[in-house]
Structure formats: C-alpha cells, structure tokens
Amino acid sequence: MRKPRVYVETSVFGGTADEDFATGSRMFFDRVHQGDFVLLISQITLDELTGAPENVQQVLKDLPDDSLVQVANDDEVRALAQAYLDAGVLGSSSIADALHVATATVARADLVLSWNFRHIVNYDRIHKYNGVNALKGYPPVEIHSPLEMSYDYEKKDI
C-alpha cells in the first residue's frame, strides 16, 4: 500500500513547541517516524524554519531521510498561488500561505497539514482553494490539522 504524501506546512513543526499544539504535532511526527507517511516539504517551509528556535528545527533534522521529499516551488506553483490571490482566497500579504497550498497542489500531495486556521485550515478558504484548483485543472486538495492525523485506530480495539 502506498503511503500518504503529506505536505507539512511550517506551523506543524512550530506546533511541537507550542503548549496548545504540541500534542497533535508530536503525535503526527511520531507516526512519521513509524513510517506511516511521506512528508513533502518545500523551500518555503525550510526558509521559514531557519528563523525558528533550535528545538523546532531539530524536529526536521530528526526525521528519517526516507520519509522526506522536497518539492519544487517553481513557476507553476507561483502562478497557482497568484491565482489564489487574484480570486480573493487570500490577501496579498498572505502570499506564503498561498504558496504552501499551491506547492502541495502542484506536487499532488494527498493532503496538507497546518495549524493555520485563519488562512489554510479554514472551511470557506478550502472551498475557494479547490474552486481555483478546478478552474486551473488541478485536483482538489485536502487540508487538515494534525489532530485529524494523530490517532492510530487500527492498533486499538474499537
């Protein structure tokens, strides 16, 4: 069975050091260490992590090499991100968030994980992202918080 390809936005890494989000982020990364997912990361994520505290940067460094795939931020990604802005999904000051979703979409991620409930994990915006994706010939993208990925039901009696 193919492992799900999960685009991990920067806030999921930062969540490991945040009291409100640490449990969900850490549980998700534990599943990555178990080999449950392939993580897609972009140069945007790597750039944003350079300003993060060392313990947050260490989360990325500690991930198994075979669990990571770096995906491109090329002209196609930038054009789709601009289409999100042009459609009013986000304002121009949120270009990095548009680039995260566009990168995941172009890379054909199975889903995007984020703690950014204002610009990414947001019911109305998800529909708008997917509306633009449909107009531009891309498949819909699933967007969730790490809490939705942290539970391992198959190992429990339910």
N, C-alpha and C. Protein backbone atom coordinates (compact mmCIF):
# COMPACT_ATOMS: atom_id res chain seq x y z
N MET A 1 0.83 -1.18 0.00
CA MET A 1 0.00 0.00 0.00
C MET A 1 0.88 1.25 0.00
N ARG A 2 0.50 2.21 -0.82
CA ARG A 2 1.24 3.47 -0.92
C ARG A 2 1.00 4.33 0.32
N LYS A 3 2.09 4.89 0.84
CA LYS A 3 1.99 5.78 2.00
C LYS A 3 1.41 7.12 1.54
N PRO A 4 0.53 7.71 2.34
CA PRO A 4 0.03 9.04 2.01
C PRO A 4 1.16 10.06 1.97
N ARG A 5 1.09 10.94 0.97
CA ARG A 5 2.06 12.02 0.80
C ARG A 5 1.45 13.27 1.43
N VAL A 6 2.07 13.72 2.52
CA VAL A 6 1.52 14.80 3.34
C VAL A 6 2.43 16.02 3.23
N TYR A 7 1.87 17.13 2.72
CA TYR A 7 2.61 18.38 2.71
C TYR A 7 2.48 18.99 4.10
N VAL A 8 3.60 19.22 4.75
CA VAL A 8 3.61 19.74 6.11
C VAL A 8 4.02 21.20 6.08
N GLU A 9 3.07 22.05 6.44
CA GLU A 9 3.30 23.48 6.49
C GLU A 9 4.06 23.80 7.79
N THR A 10 4.77 24.89 7.81
CA THR A 10 5.70 25.25 8.88
C THR A 10 5.08 25.22 10.27
N SER A 11 3.82 25.58 10.39
CA SER A 11 3.20 25.64 11.72
C SER A 11 3.14 24.29 12.41
N VAL A 12 3.17 23.20 11.65
CA VAL A 12 3.14 21.87 12.27
C VAL A 12 4.45 21.61 12.99
N PHE A 13 5.56 22.05 12.41
CA PHE A 13 6.85 21.94 13.10
C PHE A 13 6.86 22.83 14.33
N GLY A 14 6.43 24.08 14.17
CA GLY A 14 6.38 25.01 15.29
C GLY A 14 5.45 24.54 16.38
N GLY A 15 4.41 23.81 15.99
CA GLY A 15 3.45 23.31 16.97
C GLY A 15 4.06 22.40 18.01
N THR A 16 5.18 21.77 17.68
CA THR A 16 5.82 20.88 18.65
C THR A 16 6.31 21.63 19.88
N ALA A 17 6.49 22.94 19.76
CA ALA A 17 6.99 23.75 20.88
C ALA A 17 5.93 24.69 21.43
N ASP A 18 4.68 24.49 21.03
CA ASP A 18 3.59 25.36 21.46
C ASP A 18 2.65 24.55 22.36
N GLU A 19 2.38 25.08 23.52
CA GLU A 19 1.57 24.36 24.51
C GLU A 19 0.23 23.89 23.94
N ASP A 20 -0.40 24.71 23.12
CA ASP A 20 -1.71 24.38 22.58
C ASP A 20 -1.67 23.33 21.49
N PHE A 21 -0.56 23.22 20.78
CA PHE A 21 -0.49 22.35 19.61
C PHE A 21 0.52 21.22 19.71
N ALA A 22 1.27 21.17 20.79
CA ALA A 22 2.37 20.20 20.91
C ALA A 22 1.89 18.76 20.82
N THR A 23 0.83 18.42 21.48
CA THR A 23 0.38 17.02 21.48
C THR A 23 0.06 16.55 20.07
N GLY A 24 -0.73 17.32 19.34
CA GLY A 24 -1.10 16.93 17.98
C GLY A 24 0.10 16.85 17.05
N SER A 25 0.98 17.84 17.11
CA SER A 25 2.16 17.83 16.25
C SER A 25 3.07 16.66 16.58
N ARG A 26 3.31 16.45 17.86
CA ARG A 26 4.23 15.36 18.25
C ARG A 26 3.65 14.00 17.89
N MET A 27 2.35 13.81 18.07
CA MET A 27 1.73 12.54 17.72
C MET A 27 1.84 12.30 16.21
N PHE A 28 1.65 13.35 15.42
CA PHE A 28 1.79 13.20 13.98
C PHE A 28 3.22 12.82 13.62
N PHE A 29 4.20 13.54 14.16
CA PHE A 29 5.60 13.23 13.83
C PHE A 29 6.01 11.84 14.33
N ASP A 30 5.41 11.38 15.42
CA ASP A 30 5.65 10.00 15.86
C ASP A 30 5.21 9.02 14.78
N ARG A 31 4.08 9.30 14.16
CA ARG A 31 3.60 8.42 13.08
C ARG A 31 4.52 8.49 11.87
N VAL A 32 5.12 9.64 11.63
CA VAL A 32 6.11 9.74 10.54
C VAL A 32 7.29 8.84 10.85
N HIS A 33 7.76 8.89 12.08
CA HIS A 33 8.88 8.03 12.49
C HIS A 33 8.53 6.55 12.38
N GLN A 34 7.27 6.22 12.53
CA GLN A 34 6.82 4.83 12.38
C GLN A 34 6.70 4.42 10.92
N GLY A 35 6.87 5.38 10.01
CA GLY A 35 6.81 5.07 8.59
C GLY A 35 5.43 5.14 7.98
N ASP A 36 4.49 5.81 8.65
CA ASP A 36 3.11 5.87 8.15
C ASP A 36 2.90 6.86 7.01
N PHE A 37 3.77 7.86 6.89
CA PHE A 37 3.57 8.93 5.90
C PHE A 37 4.89 9.29 5.23
N VAL A 38 4.77 9.85 4.02
CA VAL A 38 5.87 10.51 3.35
C VAL A 38 5.60 12.01 3.47
N LEU A 39 6.57 12.75 3.99
CA LEU A 39 6.41 14.19 4.16
C LEU A 39 6.93 14.93 2.96
N LEU A 40 6.11 15.83 2.45
CA LEU A 40 6.53 16.73 1.39
C LEU A 40 6.83 18.07 2.04
N ILE A 41 8.03 18.57 1.78
CA ILE A 41 8.40 19.88 2.30
C ILE A 41 8.90 20.72 1.15
N SER A 42 8.78 22.01 1.31
CA SER A 42 9.18 22.94 0.25
C SER A 42 10.28 23.86 0.76
N GLN A 43 10.84 24.58 -0.17
CA GLN A 43 11.85 25.57 0.20
C GLN A 43 11.23 26.65 1.09
N ILE A 44 9.96 26.94 0.88
CA ILE A 44 9.28 27.92 1.73
C ILE A 44 9.31 27.46 3.18
N THR A 45 8.97 26.21 3.40
CA THR A 45 8.99 25.65 4.76
C THR A 45 10.40 25.70 5.33
N LEU A 46 11.37 25.29 4.53
CA LEU A 46 12.76 25.30 5.01
C LEU A 46 13.20 26.72 5.35
N ASP A 47 12.83 27.69 4.50
CA ASP A 47 13.20 29.09 4.77
C ASP A 47 12.54 29.59 6.05
N GLU A 48 11.26 29.26 6.23
CA GLU A 48 10.57 29.71 7.44
C GLU A 48 11.15 29.06 8.69
N LEU A 49 11.60 27.84 8.57
CA LEU A 49 12.19 27.15 9.73
C LEU A 49 13.54 27.72 10.14
N THR A 50 14.24 28.42 9.23
CA THR A 50 15.55 28.96 9.60
C THR A 50 15.44 29.98 10.72
N GLY A 51 14.29 30.62 10.85
CA GLY A 51 14.10 31.58 11.93
C GLY A 51 13.48 30.99 13.18
N ALA A 52 13.23 29.70 13.15
CA ALA A 52 12.57 29.04 14.29
C ALA A 52 13.60 28.68 15.37
N PRO A 53 13.11 28.48 16.59
CA PRO A 53 14.01 28.03 17.66
C PRO A 53 14.67 26.69 17.30
N GLU A 54 15.82 26.44 17.88
CA GLU A 54 16.59 25.24 17.56
C GLU A 54 15.79 23.96 17.80
N ASN A 55 15.00 23.91 18.87
CA ASN A 55 14.23 22.69 19.15
C ASN A 55 13.18 22.42 18.07
N VAL A 56 12.67 23.45 17.43
CA VAL A 56 11.73 23.27 16.32
C VAL A 56 12.47 22.81 15.08
N GLN A 57 13.62 23.41 14.80
CA GLN A 57 14.44 22.98 13.66
C GLN A 57 14.87 21.52 13.82
N GLN A 58 15.11 21.12 15.06
CA GLN A 58 15.58 19.75 15.34
C GLN A 58 14.53 18.71 14.94
N VAL A 59 13.26 19.06 14.99
CA VAL A 59 12.20 18.13 14.60
C VAL A 59 12.43 17.68 13.16
N LEU A 60 12.73 18.62 12.28
CA LEU A 60 13.00 18.28 10.88
C LEU A 60 14.28 17.46 10.76
N LYS A 61 15.32 17.87 11.47
CA LYS A 61 16.59 17.17 11.39
C LYS A 61 16.49 15.73 11.88
N ASP A 62 15.58 15.46 12.81
CA ASP A 62 15.44 14.13 13.39
C ASP A 62 14.58 13.19 12.55
N LEU A 63 13.93 13.70 11.52
CA LEU A 63 13.06 12.84 10.71
C LEU A 63 13.91 11.91 9.85
N PRO A 64 13.45 10.68 9.65
CA PRO A 64 14.19 9.75 8.79
C PRO A 64 14.29 10.29 7.36
N ASP A 65 15.47 10.18 6.77
CA ASP A 65 15.68 10.70 5.41
C ASP A 65 14.70 10.12 4.41
N ASP A 66 14.35 8.84 4.59
CA ASP A 66 13.46 8.21 3.61
C ASP A 66 12.00 8.63 3.80
N SER A 67 11.72 9.47 4.78
CA SER A 67 10.35 9.96 4.98
C SER A 67 10.14 11.33 4.37
N LEU A 68 11.20 11.95 3.83
CA LEU A 68 11.13 13.33 3.33
C LEU A 68 11.32 13.40 1.82
N VAL A 69 10.49 14.24 1.21
CA VAL A 69 10.64 14.56 -0.21
C VAL A 69 10.53 16.07 -0.33
N GLN A 70 11.55 16.71 -0.88
CA GLN A 70 11.46 18.15 -1.10
C GLN A 70 10.80 18.38 -2.45
N VAL A 71 9.76 19.22 -2.46
CA VAL A 71 9.02 19.51 -3.68
C VAL A 71 9.34 20.92 -4.16
N ALA A 72 9.21 21.12 -5.45
CA ALA A 72 9.64 22.35 -6.09
C ALA A 72 8.68 23.51 -5.84
N ASN A 73 9.25 24.69 -5.78
CA ASN A 73 8.50 25.94 -5.81
C ASN A 73 8.89 26.64 -7.11
N ASP A 74 8.24 26.23 -8.18
CA ASP A 74 8.63 26.72 -9.50
C ASP A 74 7.59 27.69 -10.05
N ASP A 75 7.71 28.02 -11.34
CA ASP A 75 6.79 28.97 -11.96
C ASP A 75 5.34 28.49 -11.89
N GLU A 76 5.12 27.20 -12.03
CA GLU A 76 3.76 26.65 -11.96
C GLU A 76 3.16 26.89 -10.58
N VAL A 77 3.95 26.68 -9.54
CA VAL A 77 3.50 26.91 -8.17
C VAL A 77 3.20 28.39 -7.96
N ARG A 78 4.10 29.24 -8.40
CA ARG A 78 3.90 30.68 -8.22
C ARG A 78 2.66 31.17 -8.98
N ALA A 79 2.41 30.62 -10.16
CA ALA A 79 1.23 31.02 -10.93
C ALA A 79 -0.06 30.59 -10.22
N LEU A 80 -0.07 29.40 -9.65
CA LEU A 80 -1.27 28.95 -8.93
C LEU A 80 -1.47 29.78 -7.66
N ALA A 81 -0.40 30.07 -6.95
CA ALA A 81 -0.51 30.91 -5.75
C ALA A 81 -1.07 32.29 -6.13
N GLN A 82 -0.60 32.83 -7.24
CA GLN A 82 -1.11 34.13 -7.70
C GLN A 82 -2.58 34.03 -8.07
N ALA A 83 -2.99 32.90 -8.63
CA ALA A 83 -4.40 32.70 -8.96
C ALA A 83 -5.25 32.70 -7.68
N TYR A 84 -4.75 32.13 -6.60
CA TYR A 84 -5.47 32.19 -5.33
C TYR A 84 -5.64 33.64 -4.88
N LEU A 85 -4.57 34.42 -5.00
CA LEU A 85 -4.64 35.82 -4.60
C LEU A 85 -5.59 36.59 -5.50
N ASP A 86 -5.49 36.37 -6.80
CA ASP A 86 -6.35 37.07 -7.76
C ASP A 86 -7.83 36.76 -7.53
N ALA A 87 -8.12 35.55 -7.08
CA ALA A 87 -9.50 35.14 -6.82
C ALA A 87 -10.00 35.60 -5.46
N GLY A 88 -9.13 36.21 -4.67
CA GLY A 88 -9.53 36.70 -3.36
C GLY A 88 -9.58 35.64 -2.28
N VAL A 89 -8.96 34.50 -2.53
CA VAL A 89 -8.91 33.47 -1.49
C VAL A 89 -8.14 34.01 -0.29
N LEU A 90 -7.06 34.72 -0.57
CA LEU A 90 -6.22 35.35 0.45
C LEU A 90 -5.83 36.74 -0.04
N GLY A 91 -5.43 37.59 0.89
CA GLY A 91 -4.89 38.90 0.52
C GLY A 91 -3.42 38.78 0.16
N SER A 92 -2.90 39.79 -0.49
CA SER A 92 -1.52 39.75 -0.98
C SER A 92 -0.49 39.58 0.15
N SER A 93 -0.83 39.99 1.36
CA SER A 93 0.12 39.83 2.46
C SER A 93 0.26 38.38 2.91
N SER A 94 -0.62 37.51 2.40
CA SER A 94 -0.59 36.09 2.78
C SER A 94 -0.02 35.22 1.67
N ILE A 95 0.90 35.77 0.88
CA ILE A 95 1.47 35.03 -0.25
C ILE A 95 2.13 33.73 0.19
N ALA A 96 2.79 33.72 1.34
CA ALA A 96 3.45 32.49 1.79
C ALA A 96 2.43 31.38 2.01
N ASP A 97 1.28 31.71 2.57
CA ASP A 97 0.24 30.70 2.77
C ASP A 97 -0.30 30.20 1.43
N ALA A 98 -0.48 31.10 0.49
CA ALA A 98 -0.91 30.70 -0.85
C ALA A 98 0.13 29.80 -1.50
N LEU A 99 1.40 30.11 -1.30
CA LEU A 99 2.47 29.27 -1.86
C LEU A 99 2.48 27.88 -1.24
N HIS A 100 2.21 27.78 0.05
CA HIS A 100 2.16 26.45 0.69
C HIS A 100 1.08 25.59 0.03
N VAL A 101 -0.12 26.14 -0.11
CA VAL A 101 -1.23 25.37 -0.68
C VAL A 101 -0.96 25.06 -2.15
N ALA A 102 -0.43 26.03 -2.88
CA ALA A 102 -0.13 25.81 -4.30
C ALA A 102 0.95 24.75 -4.47
N THR A 103 1.96 24.79 -3.64
CA THR A 103 3.03 23.80 -3.71
C THR A 103 2.48 22.40 -3.49
N ALA A 104 1.65 22.25 -2.47
CA ALA A 104 1.04 20.95 -2.19
C ALA A 104 0.17 20.49 -3.34
N THR A 105 -0.59 21.41 -3.92
CA THR A 105 -1.49 21.07 -5.02
C THR A 105 -0.70 20.61 -6.24
N VAL A 106 0.29 21.38 -6.63
CA VAL A 106 1.09 21.04 -7.82
C VAL A 106 1.85 19.74 -7.60
N ALA A 107 2.30 19.49 -6.38
CA ALA A 107 3.04 18.26 -6.07
C ALA A 107 2.11 17.06 -5.91
N ARG A 108 0.81 17.30 -6.02
CA ARG A 108 -0.20 16.23 -5.87
C ARG A 108 -0.12 15.56 -4.49
N ALA A 109 0.03 16.40 -3.47
CA ALA A 109 0.01 15.88 -2.10
C ALA A 109 -1.36 15.27 -1.83
N ASP A 110 -1.38 14.24 -1.03
CA ASP A 110 -2.66 13.66 -0.63
C ASP A 110 -3.39 14.58 0.33
N LEU A 111 -2.62 15.33 1.11
CA LEU A 111 -3.23 16.31 2.00
C LEU A 111 -2.19 17.30 2.49
N VAL A 112 -2.70 18.41 3.00
CA VAL A 112 -1.89 19.47 3.60
C VAL A 112 -2.20 19.48 5.09
N LEU A 113 -1.17 19.55 5.91
CA LEU A 113 -1.36 19.69 7.36
C LEU A 113 -0.89 21.06 7.79
N SER A 114 -1.69 21.69 8.63
CA SER A 114 -1.36 23.03 9.12
C SER A 114 -2.12 23.30 10.40
N TRP A 115 -1.57 24.20 11.21
CA TRP A 115 -2.28 24.75 12.37
C TRP A 115 -2.79 26.14 12.05
N ASN A 116 -2.63 26.61 10.83
CA ASN A 116 -3.03 27.96 10.45
C ASN A 116 -4.52 27.94 10.10
N PHE A 117 -5.35 28.17 11.12
CA PHE A 117 -6.80 28.11 10.94
C PHE A 117 -7.37 29.36 10.27
N ARG A 118 -6.60 30.39 10.22
CA ARG A 118 -7.09 31.62 9.59
C ARG A 118 -6.96 31.56 8.07
N HIS A 119 -5.81 31.11 7.57
CA HIS A 119 -5.55 31.18 6.14
C HIS A 119 -5.51 29.85 5.41
N ILE A 120 -5.37 28.75 6.13
CA ILE A 120 -5.20 27.46 5.44
C ILE A 120 -6.28 26.46 5.87
N VAL A 121 -6.31 26.07 7.13
CA VAL A 121 -7.29 25.10 7.62
C VAL A 121 -8.55 25.89 7.97
N ASN A 122 -9.30 26.24 6.96
CA ASN A 122 -10.45 27.12 7.11
C ASN A 122 -11.50 26.69 6.09
N TYR A 123 -12.67 26.32 6.58
CA TYR A 123 -13.73 25.75 5.74
C TYR A 123 -13.97 26.56 4.47
N ASP A 124 -14.21 27.86 4.61
CA ASP A 124 -14.50 28.68 3.44
C ASP A 124 -13.31 28.77 2.48
N ARG A 125 -12.13 28.94 3.04
CA ARG A 125 -10.95 29.06 2.18
C ARG A 125 -10.64 27.75 1.45
N ILE A 126 -10.83 26.62 2.13
CA ILE A 126 -10.56 25.33 1.48
C ILE A 126 -11.43 25.20 0.23
N HIS A 127 -12.69 25.57 0.34
CA HIS A 127 -13.58 25.52 -0.83
C HIS A 127 -13.11 26.48 -1.93
N LYS A 128 -12.63 27.63 -1.53
CA LYS A 128 -12.13 28.59 -2.51
C LYS A 128 -10.84 28.10 -3.18
N TYR A 129 -9.92 27.54 -2.37
CA TYR A 129 -8.71 26.95 -2.97
C TYR A 129 -9.11 25.91 -4.02
N ASN A 130 -10.03 25.05 -3.64
CA ASN A 130 -10.41 23.97 -4.55
C ASN A 130 -11.20 24.48 -5.75
N GLY A 131 -11.92 25.58 -5.60
CA GLY A 131 -12.59 26.21 -6.74
C GLY A 131 -11.57 26.70 -7.76
N VAL A 132 -10.54 27.38 -7.27
CA VAL A 132 -9.46 27.83 -8.16
C VAL A 132 -8.75 26.63 -8.78
N ASN A 133 -8.48 25.61 -7.97
CA ASN A 133 -7.83 24.41 -8.50
C ASN A 133 -8.63 23.83 -9.65
N ALA A 134 -9.95 23.74 -9.50
CA ALA A 134 -10.80 23.18 -10.56
C ALA A 134 -10.73 24.04 -11.81
N LEU A 135 -10.77 25.36 -11.64
CA LEU A 135 -10.69 26.26 -12.80
C LEU A 135 -9.35 26.14 -13.53
N LYS A 136 -8.31 25.84 -12.78
CA LYS A 136 -6.96 25.76 -13.35
C LYS A 136 -6.57 24.33 -13.74
N GLY A 137 -7.48 23.36 -13.57
CA GLY A 137 -7.21 21.99 -13.99
C GLY A 137 -6.47 21.13 -12.98
N TYR A 138 -6.49 21.53 -11.72
CA TYR A 138 -5.84 20.76 -10.66
C TYR A 138 -6.89 20.01 -9.85
N PRO A 139 -6.49 18.89 -9.26
CA PRO A 139 -7.43 18.18 -8.39
C PRO A 139 -7.64 18.95 -7.09
N PRO A 140 -8.72 18.63 -6.38
CA PRO A 140 -8.91 19.27 -5.08
C PRO A 140 -7.81 18.83 -4.12
N VAL A 141 -7.56 19.68 -3.14
CA VAL A 141 -6.56 19.38 -2.12
C VAL A 141 -7.27 19.25 -0.78
N GLU A 142 -6.91 18.22 -0.03
CA GLU A 142 -7.45 18.06 1.32
C GLU A 142 -6.56 18.82 2.29
N ILE A 143 -7.18 19.53 3.20
CA ILE A 143 -6.45 20.32 4.18
C ILE A 143 -7.00 19.99 5.55
N HIS A 144 -6.10 19.63 6.48
CA HIS A 144 -6.50 19.21 7.82
C HIS A 144 -5.51 19.73 8.86
N SER A 145 -5.90 19.61 10.12
CA SER A 145 -4.97 19.89 11.21
C SER A 145 -4.32 18.57 11.62
N PRO A 146 -3.18 18.63 12.28
CA PRO A 146 -2.52 17.40 12.74
C PRO A 146 -3.38 16.56 13.67
N LEU A 147 -4.31 17.17 14.39
CA LEU A 147 -5.17 16.39 15.28
C LEU A 147 -5.93 15.31 14.52
N GLU A 148 -6.26 15.58 13.27
CA GLU A 148 -7.00 14.63 12.47
C GLU A 148 -6.13 13.48 11.97
N MET A 149 -4.84 13.59 12.13
CA MET A 149 -3.91 12.58 11.64
C MET A 149 -3.18 11.87 12.77
N SER A 150 -3.45 12.23 13.97
CA SER A 150 -2.65 11.77 15.10
C SER A 150 -3.11 10.47 15.71
N TYR A 151 -4.29 10.06 15.40
CA TYR A 151 -4.86 8.89 16.06
C TYR A 151 -4.60 7.63 15.26
N ASP A 152 -4.27 6.58 15.96
CA ASP A 152 -3.91 5.31 15.33
C ASP A 152 -4.96 4.27 15.72
N TYR A 153 -6.13 4.35 15.10
CA TYR A 153 -7.23 3.48 15.48
C TYR A 153 -6.99 2.02 15.16
N GLU A 154 -6.25 1.73 14.09
CA GLU A 154 -6.08 0.33 13.71
C GLU A 154 -5.32 -0.49 14.75
N LYS A 155 -4.67 0.16 15.68
CA LYS A 155 -3.93 -0.57 16.72
C LYS A 155 -4.74 -0.67 18.03
N LYS A 156 -5.97 -0.20 17.97
CA LYS A 156 -6.81 -0.25 19.17
C LYS A 156 -8.09 -1.01 18.85
N ASP A 157 -8.64 -1.61 19.86
CA ASP A 157 -9.95 -2.25 19.73
C ASP A 157 -11.01 -1.15 19.78
N ILE A 158 -11.76 -1.01 18.71
CA ILE A 158 -12.84 -0.02 18.75
C ILE A 158 -14.15 -0.68 18.38
